[in-house]
């Protein structure tokens, strides 16, 4: 990677959603990398006309060409859909091509054709309705790359929130948290903060599961039975992890500034906080993979597709972070 322009695979996501719009939108400006957009070429052409972005030159992707992004152009690796797509109208027949697009990006990263991948949002319900098992990008990419313990993290600058569990019903969270699983998550988080962000000694704050971190066992025992022993084991292995800390306390700015990352126990414990604080600049990062993968922090926005009202801030931030991580 060192000394060359990072080449990033950008998957366009759900064809009826905001992803294709954003891919076209970012092509107009400067980018810190070479971008290859994986999308149905005809869909991009149609969406460009609809959005009055048809002045963007859509060029066929050539693996032999690795040059800096040229504003006003976009290299496209054509990934044909099963049926034409209209903005805002889901079609389960296009679920397989969406997954194949992800597979192509992963394979390219594993083969060093791409230095990282960035994903526009997919519609999980549409993929599930088509008969595929799909909990989310995090789990899918982990299975595709043979990764034992993927860790989902949202990041905006020095504000980073990782998750001990990902896409689970709330009633299933407690049973999914074990001493072993927490230790593995903490070790992945510590390792990737060192490797990808060059933080020499990461400091991690770990949330409790229950209100007030269990109130000494009066509001639940997961803190004393699982989280505290996991932290003790992780610290013995060199991970600087503090907690369990009440989730309604750790996000107070004067406490947050002491740490390089917060580990929340479940999806909606930590992510609403960082999305509220930094929505336009937050990036979804999958840790624990052999490849670099980042994504936007929002959904498919079917109601905005084709309207020109989509904001590309999160996608730009995802590309910038992917380029930095690939270089590291």
C-alpha atoms as a PDB file:
ATOM      1  CA  UNK A   1       0.000   0.000   0.000  1.00  0.00           C
ATOM      2  CA  UNK A   2       2.759   2.412   0.936  1.00  0.00           C
ATOM      3  CA  UNK A   3       3.669   4.781  -1.878  1.00  0.00           C
ATOM      4  CA  UNK A   4       0.656   4.079  -4.062  1.00  0.00           C
ATOM      5  CA  UNK A   5      -2.855   5.411  -4.342  1.00  0.00           C
ATOM      6  CA  UNK A   6      -5.287   3.236  -2.388  1.00  0.00           C
ATOM      7  CA  UNK A   7      -7.896   1.652  -4.636  1.00  0.00           C
ATOM      8  CA  UNK A   8     -11.233   1.260  -2.878  1.00  0.00           C
ATOM      9  CA  UNK A   9     -14.193  -0.849  -3.946  1.00  0.00           C
ATOM     10  CA  UNK A  10     -17.417   1.084  -3.372  1.00  0.00           C
ATOM     11  CA  UNK A  11     -20.526  -1.102  -3.425  1.00  0.00           C
ATOM     12  CA  UNK A  12     -23.662   0.820  -4.374  1.00  0.00           C
ATOM     13  CA  UNK A  13     -26.010  -1.128  -2.070  1.00  0.00           C
ATOM     14  CA  UNK A  14     -29.774  -1.439  -2.464  1.00  0.00           C
ATOM     15  CA  UNK A  15     -30.514  -0.313  -6.042  1.00  0.00           C
ATOM     16  CA  UNK A  16     -33.871   1.257  -5.074  1.00  0.00           C
ATOM     17  CA  UNK A  17     -32.255   3.243  -2.273  1.00  0.00           C
ATOM     18  CA  UNK A  18     -30.006   6.224  -1.805  1.00  0.00           C
ATOM     19  CA  UNK A  19     -26.750   4.346  -2.469  1.00  0.00           C
ATOM     20  CA  UNK A  20     -26.511   4.876  -6.246  1.00  0.00           C
ATOM     21  CA  UNK A  21     -27.349   8.581  -5.761  1.00  0.00           C
ATOM     22  CA  UNK A  22     -24.537   9.026  -3.245  1.00  0.00           C
ATOM     23  CA  UNK A  23     -22.027   7.182  -5.427  1.00  0.00           C
ATOM     24  CA  UNK A  24     -22.753   9.633  -8.223  1.00  0.00           C
ATOM     25  CA  UNK A  25     -22.728  12.628  -5.899  1.00  0.00           C
ATOM     26  CA  UNK A  26     -19.261  11.982  -4.453  1.00  0.00           C
ATOM     27  CA  UNK A  27     -17.820  11.464  -7.950  1.00  0.00           C
ATOM     28  CA  UNK A  28     -18.071  15.203  -8.604  1.00  0.00           C
ATOM     29  CA  UNK A  29     -15.486  16.220  -6.011  1.00  0.00           C
ATOM     30  CA  UNK A  30     -11.966  15.437  -4.872  1.00  0.00           C
ATOM     31  CA  UNK A  31     -11.379  12.050  -3.232  1.00  0.00           C
ATOM     32  CA  UNK A  32      -8.363  10.742  -1.295  1.00  0.00           C
ATOM     33  CA  UNK A  33      -8.214   7.496  -3.258  1.00  0.00           C
ATOM     34  CA  UNK A  34      -9.006   5.686  -6.463  1.00  0.00           C
ATOM     35  CA  UNK A  35     -12.652   4.576  -6.355  1.00  0.00           C
ATOM     36  CA  UNK A  36     -14.190   1.654  -8.219  1.00  0.00           C
ATOM     37  CA  UNK A  37     -17.968   1.710  -7.958  1.00  0.00           C
ATOM     38  CA  UNK A  38     -19.642  -1.709  -8.093  1.00  0.00           C
ATOM     39  CA  UNK A  39     -23.087  -1.073  -9.561  1.00  0.00           C
ATOM     40  CA  UNK A  40     -25.399  -1.789 -12.441  1.00  0.00           C
ATOM     41  CA  UNK A  41     -24.098   0.586 -15.115  1.00  0.00           C
ATOM     42  CA  UNK A  42     -27.545   1.152 -16.640  1.00  0.00           C
ATOM     43  CA  UNK A  43     -28.963   1.996 -13.226  1.00  0.00           C
ATOM     44  CA  UNK A  44     -26.249   4.606 -12.662  1.00  0.00           C
ATOM     45  CA  UNK A  45     -26.917   6.108 -16.078  1.00  0.00           C
ATOM     46  CA  UNK A  46     -30.662   6.312 -15.386  1.00  0.00           C
ATOM     47  CA  UNK A  47     -30.178   7.749 -11.892  1.00  0.00           C
ATOM     48  CA  UNK A  48     -27.655  10.276 -13.205  1.00  0.00           C
ATOM     49  CA  UNK A  49     -30.202  11.571 -15.720  1.00  0.00           C
ATOM     50  CA  UNK A  50     -32.879  11.735 -13.031  1.00  0.00           C
ATOM     51  CA  UNK A  51     -30.595  13.702 -10.701  1.00  0.00           C
ATOM     52  CA  UNK A  52     -29.189  15.940 -13.465  1.00  0.00           C
ATOM     53  CA  UNK A  53     -25.751  14.436 -12.890  1.00  0.00           C
ATOM     54  CA  UNK A  54     -25.391  13.078 -16.405  1.00  0.00           C
ATOM     55  CA  UNK A  55     -22.302  15.217 -16.920  1.00  0.00           C
ATOM     56  CA  UNK A  56     -20.387  12.647 -14.830  1.00  0.00           C
ATOM     57  CA  UNK A  57     -18.304  10.385 -17.051  1.00  0.00           C
ATOM     58  CA  UNK A  58     -18.971   6.732 -16.156  1.00  0.00           C
ATOM     59  CA  UNK A  59     -15.870   4.788 -17.208  1.00  0.00           C
ATOM     60  CA  UNK A  60     -15.532   0.989 -17.411  1.00  0.00           C
ATOM     61  CA  UNK A  61     -13.241  -0.276 -14.649  1.00  0.00           C
ATOM     62  CA  UNK A  62      -9.814  -1.450 -15.737  1.00  0.00           C
ATOM     63  CA  UNK A  63      -7.783  -3.395 -13.126  1.00  0.00           C
ATOM     64  CA  UNK A  64      -4.596  -2.269 -14.833  1.00  0.00           C
ATOM     65  CA  UNK A  65      -5.395   1.406 -14.251  1.00  0.00           C
ATOM     66  CA  UNK A  66      -4.659   2.817 -10.802  1.00  0.00           C
ATOM     67  CA  UNK A  67      -4.823   6.603 -10.862  1.00  0.00           C
ATOM     68  CA  UNK A  68      -6.096   9.277  -8.531  1.00  0.00           C
ATOM     69  CA  UNK A  69      -9.788  10.050  -8.734  1.00  0.00           C
ATOM     70  CA  UNK A  70     -10.645  12.620 -11.382  1.00  0.00           C
ATOM     71  CA  UNK A  71     -13.535  14.897 -10.308  1.00  0.00           C
ATOM     72  CA  UNK A  72     -16.472  14.485 -12.645  1.00  0.00           C
ATOM     73  CA  UNK A  73     -15.792  10.837 -13.443  1.00  0.00           C
ATOM     74  CA  UNK A  74     -16.452   7.452 -11.885  1.00  0.00           C
ATOM     75  CA  UNK A  75     -14.908   4.073 -12.642  1.00  0.00           C
ATOM     76  CA  UNK A  76     -17.676   1.463 -12.705  1.00  0.00           C
ATOM     77  CA  UNK A  77     -17.372  -2.293 -12.318  1.00  0.00           C
ATOM     78  CA  UNK A  78     -20.644  -3.329 -13.948  1.00  0.00           C
ATOM     79  CA  UNK A  79     -22.720  -5.634 -11.731  1.00  0.00           C
ATOM     80  CA  UNK A  80     -25.987  -6.189 -13.630  1.00  0.00           C
ATOM     81  CA  UNK A  81     -29.253  -6.398 -11.731  1.00  0.00           C
ATOM     82  CA  UNK A  82     -31.773  -9.178 -12.314  1.00  0.00           C
ATOM     83  CA  UNK A  83     -34.515  -6.658 -13.167  1.00  0.00           C
ATOM     84  CA  UNK A  84     -34.544  -2.878 -13.658  1.00  0.00           C
ATOM     85  CA  UNK A  85     -34.883  -0.900 -10.446  1.00  0.00           C
ATOM     86  CA  UNK A  86     -36.952   2.198  -9.683  1.00  0.00           C
ATOM     87  CA  UNK A  87     -36.204   4.632  -6.840  1.00  0.00           C
ATOM     88  CA  UNK A  88     -38.051   3.664  -3.678  1.00  0.00           C
ATOM     89  CA  UNK A  89     -39.498   0.377  -5.046  1.00  0.00           C
ATOM     90  CA  UNK A  90     -37.925  -2.749  -3.569  1.00  0.00           C
ATOM     91  CA  UNK A  91     -37.739  -5.939  -5.629  1.00  0.00           C
ATOM     92  CA  UNK A  92     -36.581  -9.187  -4.035  1.00  0.00           C
ATOM     93  CA  UNK A  93     -35.337 -10.400  -7.430  1.00  0.00           C
ATOM     94  CA  UNK A  94     -32.410  -8.011  -7.047  1.00  0.00           C
ATOM     95  CA  UNK A  95     -31.328  -9.389  -3.664  1.00  0.00           C
ATOM     96  CA  UNK A  96     -28.942 -11.927  -5.173  1.00  0.00           C
ATOM     97  CA  UNK A  97     -27.124  -9.345  -7.356  1.00  0.00           C
ATOM     98  CA  UNK A  98     -26.718  -7.132  -4.273  1.00  0.00           C
ATOM     99  CA  UNK A  99     -25.024  -9.992  -2.406  1.00  0.00           C
ATOM    100  CA  UNK A 100     -22.934 -10.891  -5.442  1.00  0.00           C
ATOM    101  CA  UNK A 101     -21.740  -7.291  -5.517  1.00  0.00           C
ATOM    102  CA  UNK A 102     -20.524  -7.672  -1.935  1.00  0.00           C
ATOM    103  CA  UNK A 103     -18.867 -10.981  -2.777  1.00  0.00           C
ATOM    104  CA  UNK A 104     -16.983  -9.406  -5.668  1.00  0.00           C
ATOM    105  CA  UNK A 105     -15.693  -6.595  -3.469  1.00  0.00           C
ATOM    106  CA  UNK A 106     -14.581  -9.023  -0.748  1.00  0.00           C
ATOM    107  CA  UNK A 107     -12.843 -11.292  -3.237  1.00  0.00           C
ATOM    108  CA  UNK A 108     -11.062  -8.281  -4.719  1.00  0.00           C
ATOM    109  CA  UNK A 109      -9.859  -7.175  -1.298  1.00  0.00           C
ATOM    110  CA  UNK A 110      -8.629 -10.654  -0.354  1.00  0.00           C
ATOM    111  CA  UNK A 111      -6.738 -10.836  -3.661  1.00  0.00           C
ATOM    112  CA  UNK A 112      -5.200  -7.360  -3.103  1.00  0.00           C
ATOM    113  CA  UNK A 113      -6.982  -6.028  -6.201  1.00  0.00           C
ATOM    114  CA  UNK A 114      -8.600  -3.507  -3.833  1.00  0.00           C
ATOM    115  CA  UNK A 115      -7.049  -2.055  -0.692  1.00  0.00           C
ATOM    116  CA  UNK A 116     -10.373  -1.620   1.099  1.00  0.00           C
ATOM    117  CA  UNK A 117     -14.113  -1.754   0.560  1.00  0.00           C
ATOM    118  CA  UNK A 118     -16.774   0.820   1.400  1.00  0.00           C
ATOM    119  CA  UNK A 119     -20.427  -0.173   1.393  1.00  0.00           C
ATOM    120  CA  UNK A 120     -23.515   1.860   0.684  1.00  0.00           C
ATOM    121  CA  UNK A 121     -26.550   0.636   2.661  1.00  0.00           C
ATOM    122  CA  UNK A 122     -28.527  -2.480   1.773  1.00  0.00           C
ATOM    123  CA  UNK A 123     -32.152  -3.277   2.610  1.00  0.00           C
ATOM    124  CA  UNK A 124     -31.924  -6.231   4.986  1.00  0.00           C
ATOM    125  CA  UNK A 125     -35.653  -6.928   4.862  1.00  0.00           C
ATOM    126  CA  UNK A 126     -35.540  -7.276   1.072  1.00  0.00           C
ATOM    127  CA  UNK A 127     -32.651  -9.743   1.246  1.00  0.00           C
ATOM    128  CA  UNK A 128     -34.394 -11.761   3.951  1.00  0.00           C
ATOM    129  CA  UNK A 129     -37.666 -11.754   2.031  1.00  0.00           C
ATOM    130  CA  UNK A 130     -35.779 -13.184  -0.939  1.00  0.00           C
ATOM    131  CA  UNK A 131     -34.869 -16.203   1.185  1.00  0.00           C
ATOM    132  CA  UNK A 132     -31.284 -15.396   2.123  1.00  0.00           C
ATOM    133  CA  UNK A 133     -29.874 -15.509   5.648  1.00  0.00           C
ATOM    134  CA  UNK A 134     -28.595 -11.982   6.247  1.00  0.00           C
ATOM    135  CA  UNK A 135     -28.251 -10.301   9.639  1.00  0.00           C
ATOM    136  CA  UNK A 136     -26.214  -7.410   8.271  1.00  0.00           C
ATOM    137  CA  UNK A 137     -22.987  -6.458   6.535  1.00  0.00           C
ATOM    138  CA  UNK A 138     -20.936  -7.167   9.680  1.00  0.00           C
ATOM    139  CA  UNK A 139     -21.991 -10.788  10.021  1.00  0.00           C
ATOM    140  CA  UNK A 140     -22.069 -11.456   6.281  1.00  0.00           C
ATOM    141  CA  UNK A 141     -18.549 -10.173   5.671  1.00  0.00           C
ATOM    142  CA  UNK A 142     -17.231 -12.103   8.663  1.00  0.00           C
ATOM    143  CA  UNK A 143     -18.626 -15.344   7.266  1.00  0.00           C
ATOM    144  CA  UNK A 144     -17.373 -14.545   3.780  1.00  0.00           C
ATOM    145  CA  UNK A 145     -13.819 -13.925   5.069  1.00  0.00           C
ATOM    146  CA  UNK A 146     -13.813 -16.726   7.635  1.00  0.00           C
ATOM    147  CA  UNK A 147     -13.466 -14.303  10.544  1.00  0.00           C
ATOM    148  CA  UNK A 148     -14.319 -15.674  13.982  1.00  0.00           C
ATOM    149  CA  UNK A 149     -15.134 -12.475  15.858  1.00  0.00           C
ATOM    150  CA  UNK A 150     -16.231  -9.424  13.849  1.00  0.00           C
ATOM    151  CA  UNK A 151     -16.719  -6.253  15.855  1.00  0.00           C
ATOM    152  CA  UNK A 152     -18.995  -3.442  14.738  1.00  0.00           C
ATOM    153  CA  UNK A 153     -17.772   0.050  15.551  1.00  0.00           C
ATOM    154  CA  UNK A 154     -18.997   3.536  14.661  1.00  0.00           C
ATOM    155  CA  UNK A 155     -16.365   6.250  14.562  1.00  0.00           C
ATOM    156  CA  UNK A 156     -16.209   9.996  14.069  1.00  0.00           C
ATOM    157  CA  UNK A 157     -12.763  11.422  14.678  1.00  0.00           C
ATOM    158  CA  UNK A 158     -11.650  10.351  18.159  1.00  0.00           C
ATOM    159  CA  UNK A 159     -15.203   9.356  19.181  1.00  0.00           C
ATOM    160  CA  UNK A 160     -15.493   5.584  18.743  1.00  0.00           C
ATOM    161  CA  UNK A 161     -18.250   3.255  19.939  1.00  0.00           C
ATOM    162  CA  UNK A 162     -17.890  -0.512  19.476  1.00  0.00           C
ATOM    163  CA  UNK A 163     -20.476  -3.206  20.182  1.00  0.00           C
ATOM    164  CA  UNK A 164     -20.221  -6.413  22.185  1.00  0.00           C
ATOM    165  CA  UNK A 165     -23.266  -7.753  20.302  1.00  0.00           C
ATOM    166  CA  UNK A 166     -24.685  -6.577  16.998  1.00  0.00           C
ATOM    167  CA  UNK A 167     -28.037  -7.295  15.370  1.00  0.00           C
ATOM    168  CA  UNK A 168     -29.917  -9.208  18.049  1.00  0.00           C
ATOM    169  CA  UNK A 169     -33.343  -8.832  19.616  1.00  0.00           C
ATOM    170  CA  UNK A 170     -32.988  -7.164  23.010  1.00  0.00           C
ATOM    171  CA  UNK A 171     -34.247 -10.271  24.802  1.00  0.00           C
ATOM    172  CA  UNK A 172     -31.336 -12.279  23.351  1.00  0.00           C
ATOM    173  CA  UNK A 173     -28.544  -9.889  24.367  1.00  0.00           C
ATOM    174  CA  UNK A 174     -27.877 -11.134  27.907  1.00  0.00           C
ATOM    175  CA  UNK A 175     -27.459 -14.755  26.845  1.00  0.00           C
ATOM    176  CA  UNK A 176     -25.107 -13.709  24.019  1.00  0.00           C
ATOM    177  CA  UNK A 177     -22.668 -11.972  26.370  1.00  0.00           C
ATOM    178  CA  UNK A 178     -20.137 -14.344  27.905  1.00  0.00           C
ATOM    179  CA  UNK A 179     -16.740 -13.949  29.519  1.00  0.00           C
ATOM    180  CA  UNK A 180     -15.098 -15.532  26.481  1.00  0.00           C
ATOM    181  CA  UNK A 181     -17.002 -13.427  23.930  1.00  0.00           C
ATOM    182  CA  UNK A 182     -16.266 -10.166  25.753  1.00  0.00           C
ATOM    183  CA  UNK A 183     -12.575 -11.018  25.996  1.00  0.00           C
ATOM    184  CA  UNK A 184     -12.455 -11.752  22.286  1.00  0.00           C
ATOM    185  CA  UNK A 185     -14.226  -8.484  21.419  1.00  0.00           C
ATOM    186  CA  UNK A 186     -11.890  -6.478  23.664  1.00  0.00           C
ATOM    187  CA  UNK A 187      -8.818  -8.107  22.125  1.00  0.00           C
ATOM    188  CA  UNK A 188     -10.055  -7.387  18.569  1.00  0.00           C
ATOM    189  CA  UNK A 189     -10.853  -3.795  19.519  1.00  0.00           C
ATOM    190  CA  UNK A 190      -7.460  -3.293  21.201  1.00  0.00           C
ATOM    191  CA  UNK A 191      -5.567  -4.900  18.299  1.00  0.00           C
ATOM    192  CA  UNK A 192      -7.283  -2.907  15.560  1.00  0.00           C
ATOM    193  CA  UNK A 193      -6.985   0.400  17.423  1.00  0.00           C
ATOM    194  CA  UNK A 194      -3.251  -0.263  17.524  1.00  0.00           C
ATOM    195  CA  UNK A 195      -2.977  -1.558  13.952  1.00  0.00           C
ATOM    196  CA  UNK A 196      -5.456   0.626  12.058  1.00  0.00           C
ATOM    197  CA  UNK A 197      -5.348   3.844  14.107  1.00  0.00           C
ATOM    198  CA  UNK A 198      -1.736   3.603  15.363  1.00  0.00           C
ATOM    199  CA  UNK A 199      -2.808   4.137  18.997  1.00  0.00           C
ATOM    200  CA  UNK A 200       0.060   2.727  21.053  1.00  0.00           C
ATOM    201  CA  UNK A 201      -1.907   1.919  24.215  1.00  0.00           C
ATOM    202  CA  UNK A 202      -5.663   2.142  23.597  1.00  0.00           C
ATOM    203  CA  UNK A 203      -7.894   3.032  26.547  1.00  0.00           C
ATOM    204  CA  UNK A 204     -11.306   1.369  26.440  1.00  0.00           C
ATOM    205  CA  UNK A 205     -14.338   2.117  28.587  1.00  0.00           C
ATOM    206  CA  UNK A 206     -16.747  -0.813  28.928  1.00  0.00           C
ATOM    207  CA  UNK A 207     -20.441  -0.214  29.588  1.00  0.00           C
ATOM    208  CA  UNK A 208     -22.533  -2.251  31.951  1.00  0.00           C
ATOM    209  CA  UNK A 209     -25.573  -4.038  30.580  1.00  0.00           C
ATOM    210  CA  UNK A 210     -28.117  -2.957  33.177  1.00  0.00           C
ATOM    211  CA  UNK A 211     -29.154   0.480  34.473  1.00  0.00           C
ATOM    212  CA  UNK A 212     -26.494   1.904  36.805  1.00  0.00           C
ATOM    213  CA  UNK A 213     -24.255  -1.021  35.789  1.00  0.00           C
ATOM    214  CA  UNK A 214     -26.421  -3.342  37.844  1.00  0.00           C
ATOM    215  CA  UNK A 215     -26.416  -1.269  41.064  1.00  0.00           C
ATOM    216  CA  UNK A 216     -24.163  -3.804  42.842  1.00  0.00           C
ATOM    217  CA  UNK A 217     -26.378  -6.687  41.731  1.00  0.00           C
ATOM    218  CA  UNK A 218     -29.705  -5.144  42.655  1.00  0.00           C
ATOM    219  CA  UNK A 219     -30.618  -4.406  39.009  1.00  0.00           C
ATOM    220  CA  UNK A 220     -29.073  -7.464  37.389  1.00  0.00           C
ATOM    221  CA  UNK A 221     -25.992  -9.622  37.895  1.00  0.00           C
ATOM    222  CA  UNK A 222     -24.391  -9.644  34.425  1.00  0.00           C
ATOM    223  CA  UNK A 223     -21.894  -7.003  35.558  1.00  0.00           C
ATOM    224  CA  UNK A 224     -20.550  -9.049  38.483  1.00  0.00           C
ATOM    225  CA  UNK A 225     -21.018 -12.475  36.900  1.00  0.00           C
ATOM    226  CA  UNK A 226     -19.749 -11.818  33.356  1.00  0.00           C
ATOM    227  CA  UNK A 227     -18.470  -8.330  32.562  1.00  0.00           C
ATOM    228  CA  UNK A 228     -16.138  -7.786  35.535  1.00  0.00           C
ATOM    229  CA  UNK A 229     -14.451 -11.207  35.175  1.00  0.00           C
ATOM    230  CA  UNK A 230     -14.025 -10.609  31.437  1.00  0.00           C
ATOM    231  CA  UNK A 231     -12.381  -7.252  32.120  1.00  0.00           C
ATOM    232  CA  UNK A 232     -10.039  -8.823  34.652  1.00  0.00           C
ATOM    233  CA  UNK A 233      -8.976 -11.448  32.122  1.00  0.00           C
ATOM    234  CA  UNK A 234      -8.540  -8.857  29.361  1.00  0.00           C
ATOM    235  CA  UNK A 235      -6.427  -6.621  31.607  1.00  0.00           C
ATOM    236  CA  UNK A 236      -4.230  -9.602  32.457  1.00  0.00           C
ATOM    237  CA  UNK A 237      -3.635  -9.912  28.707  1.00  0.00           C
ATOM    238  CA  UNK A 238      -2.566  -6.279  28.370  1.00  0.00           C
ATOM    239  CA  UNK A 239      -5.841  -4.621  27.353  1.00  0.00           C
ATOM    240  CA  UNK A 240      -6.497  -1.307  29.116  1.00  0.00           C
ATOM    241  CA  UNK A 241     -10.215  -1.685  29.800  1.00  0.00           C
ATOM    242  CA  UNK A 242     -12.154   0.093  32.545  1.00  0.00           C
ATOM    243  CA  UNK A 243     -15.619  -0.784  33.805  1.00  0.00           C
ATOM    244  CA  UNK A 244     -18.276  -1.852  33.894  1.00  0.00           C
ATOM    245  CA  UNK A 245     -19.372   1.792  33.705  1.00  0.00           C
ATOM    246  CA  UNK A 246     -23.033   2.903  33.615  1.00  0.00           C
ATOM    247  CA  UNK A 247     -23.940   3.714  30.019  1.00  0.00           C
ATOM    248  CA  UNK A 248     -25.713   6.912  31.089  1.00  0.00           C
ATOM    249  CA  UNK A 249     -22.452   8.136  32.653  1.00  0.00           C
ATOM    250  CA  UNK A 250     -19.657   7.206  30.269  1.00  0.00           C
ATOM    251  CA  UNK A 251     -20.850   9.484  27.469  1.00  0.00           C
ATOM    252  CA  UNK A 252     -20.466  12.604  29.630  1.00  0.00           C
ATOM    253  CA  UNK A 253     -17.789  14.589  27.721  1.00  0.00           C
ATOM    254  CA  UNK A 254     -15.341  14.977  30.622  1.00  0.00           C
ATOM    255  CA  UNK A 255     -15.281  11.196  31.094  1.00  0.00           C
ATOM    256  CA  UNK A 256     -15.406  10.306  27.416  1.00  0.00           C
ATOM    257  CA  UNK A 257     -12.266  12.297  26.635  1.00  0.00           C
ATOM    258  CA  UNK A 258     -10.214   9.899  28.776  1.00  0.00           C
ATOM    259  CA  UNK A 259     -10.828   7.003  26.397  1.00  0.00           C
ATOM    260  CA  UNK A 260     -10.037   6.015  22.826  1.00  0.00           C
ATOM    261  CA  UNK A 261     -13.183   3.888  22.504  1.00  0.00           C
ATOM    262  CA  UNK A 262     -16.316   2.849  24.340  1.00  0.00           C
ATOM    263  CA  UNK A 263     -17.556  -0.736  24.238  1.00  0.00           C
ATOM    264  CA  UNK A 264     -21.357  -0.851  24.495  1.00  0.00           C
ATOM    265  CA  UNK A 265     -23.148  -4.096  25.235  1.00  0.00           C
ATOM    266  CA  UNK A 266     -25.809  -3.853  22.528  1.00  0.00           C
ATOM    267  CA  UNK A 267     -26.739  -1.953  19.385  1.00  0.00           C
ATOM    268  CA  UNK A 268     -29.077   0.699  20.746  1.00  0.00           C
ATOM    269  CA  UNK A 269     -27.098   1.312  23.929  1.00  0.00           C
ATOM    270  CA  UNK A 270     -24.254   3.152  22.252  1.00  0.00           C
ATOM    271  CA  UNK A 271     -25.073   3.933  18.629  1.00  0.00           C
ATOM    272  CA  UNK A 272     -27.851   6.511  19.215  1.00  0.00           C
ATOM    273  CA  UNK A 273     -25.367   8.617  21.191  1.00  0.00           C
ATOM    274  CA  UNK A 274     -22.706   8.848  18.493  1.00  0.00           C
ATOM    275  CA  UNK A 275     -25.297   9.226  15.720  1.00  0.00           C
ATOM    276  CA  UNK A 276     -26.911  12.114  17.588  1.00  0.00           C
ATOM    277  CA  UNK A 277     -23.565  13.806  18.137  1.00  0.00           C
ATOM    278  CA  UNK A 278     -21.963  13.234  14.725  1.00  0.00           C
ATOM    279  CA  UNK A 279     -24.522  11.893  12.245  1.00  0.00           C
ATOM    280  CA  UNK A 280     -23.086  13.438   9.067  1.00  0.00           C
ATOM    281  CA  UNK A 281     -19.531  12.328   9.809  1.00  0.00           C
ATOM    282  CA  UNK A 282     -20.001   8.952  11.483  1.00  0.00           C
ATOM    283  CA  UNK A 283     -18.523   5.874   9.810  1.00  0.00           C
ATOM    284  CA  UNK A 284     -19.426   2.241  10.390  1.00  0.00           C
ATOM    285  CA  UNK A 285     -16.264   0.110  10.607  1.00  0.00           C
ATOM    286  CA  UNK A 286     -16.024  -3.670  10.801  1.00  0.00           C
ATOM    287  CA  UNK A 287     -13.083  -4.736  12.971  1.00  0.00           C
ATOM    288  CA  UNK A 288     -11.656  -8.233  13.161  1.00  0.00           C
ATOM    289  CA  UNK A 289     -11.599  -8.853   9.400  1.00  0.00           C
ATOM    290  CA  UNK A 290      -8.525  -9.555   7.248  1.00  0.00           C
ATOM    291  CA  UNK A 291      -9.666  -6.645   5.040  1.00  0.00           C
ATOM    292  CA  UNK A 292     -10.593  -3.008   5.606  1.00  0.00           C
ATOM    293  CA  UNK A 293     -14.324  -2.316   5.448  1.00  0.00           C
ATOM    294  CA  UNK A 294     -16.146   0.896   6.266  1.00  0.00           C
ATOM    295  CA  UNK A 295     -19.669   2.058   5.564  1.00  0.00           C
ATOM    296  CA  UNK A 296     -22.140   4.876   5.989  1.00  0.00           C
ATOM    297  CA  UNK A 297     -23.986   5.127   9.302  1.00  0.00           C
ATOM    298  CA  UNK A 298     -27.467   5.397   7.770  1.00  0.00           C
ATOM    299  CA  UNK A 299     -30.003   3.244   5.962  1.00  0.00           C
ATOM    300  CA  UNK A 300     -31.265   3.027   2.404  1.00  0.00           C
ATOM    301  CA  UNK A 301     -33.532   6.110   2.678  1.00  0.00           C
ATOM    302  CA  UNK A 302     -35.959   4.797   0.080  1.00  0.00           C
ATOM    303  CA  UNK A 303     -38.013   7.991   0.350  1.00  0.00           C
ATOM    304  CA  UNK A 304     -35.012  10.097  -0.703  1.00  0.00           C
ATOM    305  CA  UNK A 305     -33.826   7.925  -3.590  1.00  0.00           C
ATOM    306  CA  UNK A 306     -33.933   9.791  -6.865  1.00  0.00           C
ATOM    307  CA  UNK A 307     -34.815  13.127  -5.234  1.00  0.00           C
ATOM    308  CA  UNK A 308     -31.356  14.682  -5.011  1.00  0.00           C
ATOM    309  CA  UNK A 309     -31.848  15.356  -1.291  1.00  0.00           C
ATOM    310  CA  UNK A 310     -29.420  12.710  -0.054  1.00  0.00           C
ATOM    311  CA  UNK A 311     -26.416  13.987   1.889  1.00  0.00           C
ATOM    312  CA  UNK A 312     -23.082  12.352   0.984  1.00  0.00           C
ATOM    313  CA  UNK A 313     -21.226  13.383   4.169  1.00  0.00           C
ATOM    314  CA  UNK A 314     -21.150   9.946   5.768  1.00  0.00           C
ATOM    315  CA  UNK A 315     -20.051   8.252   2.539  1.00  0.00           C
ATOM    316  CA  UNK A 316     -17.228  10.747   2.064  1.00  0.00           C
ATOM    317  CA  UNK A 317     -16.126  10.166   5.663  1.00  0.00           C
ATOM    318  CA  UNK A 318     -16.240   6.392   5.068  1.00  0.00           C
ATOM    319  CA  UNK A 319     -13.992   6.700   2.007  1.00  0.00           C
ATOM    320  CA  UNK A 320     -11.544   8.944   3.830  1.00  0.00           C
ATOM    321  CA  UNK A 321     -11.308   6.597   6.812  1.00  0.00           C
ATOM    322  CA  UNK A 322     -10.965   3.541   4.577  1.00  0.00           C
ATOM    323  CA  UNK A 323      -8.054   5.185   2.765  1.00  0.00           C
ATOM    324  CA  UNK A 324      -6.381   6.042   6.097  1.00  0.00           C
ATOM    325  CA  UNK A 325      -6.879   2.536   7.474  1.00  0.00           C
ATOM    326  CA  UNK A 326      -5.567   0.941   4.291  1.00  0.00           C
ATOM    327  CA  UNK A 327      -2.458   3.095   4.500  1.00  0.00           C
ATOM    328  CA  UNK A 328      -1.941   2.141   8.150  1.00  0.00           C
END
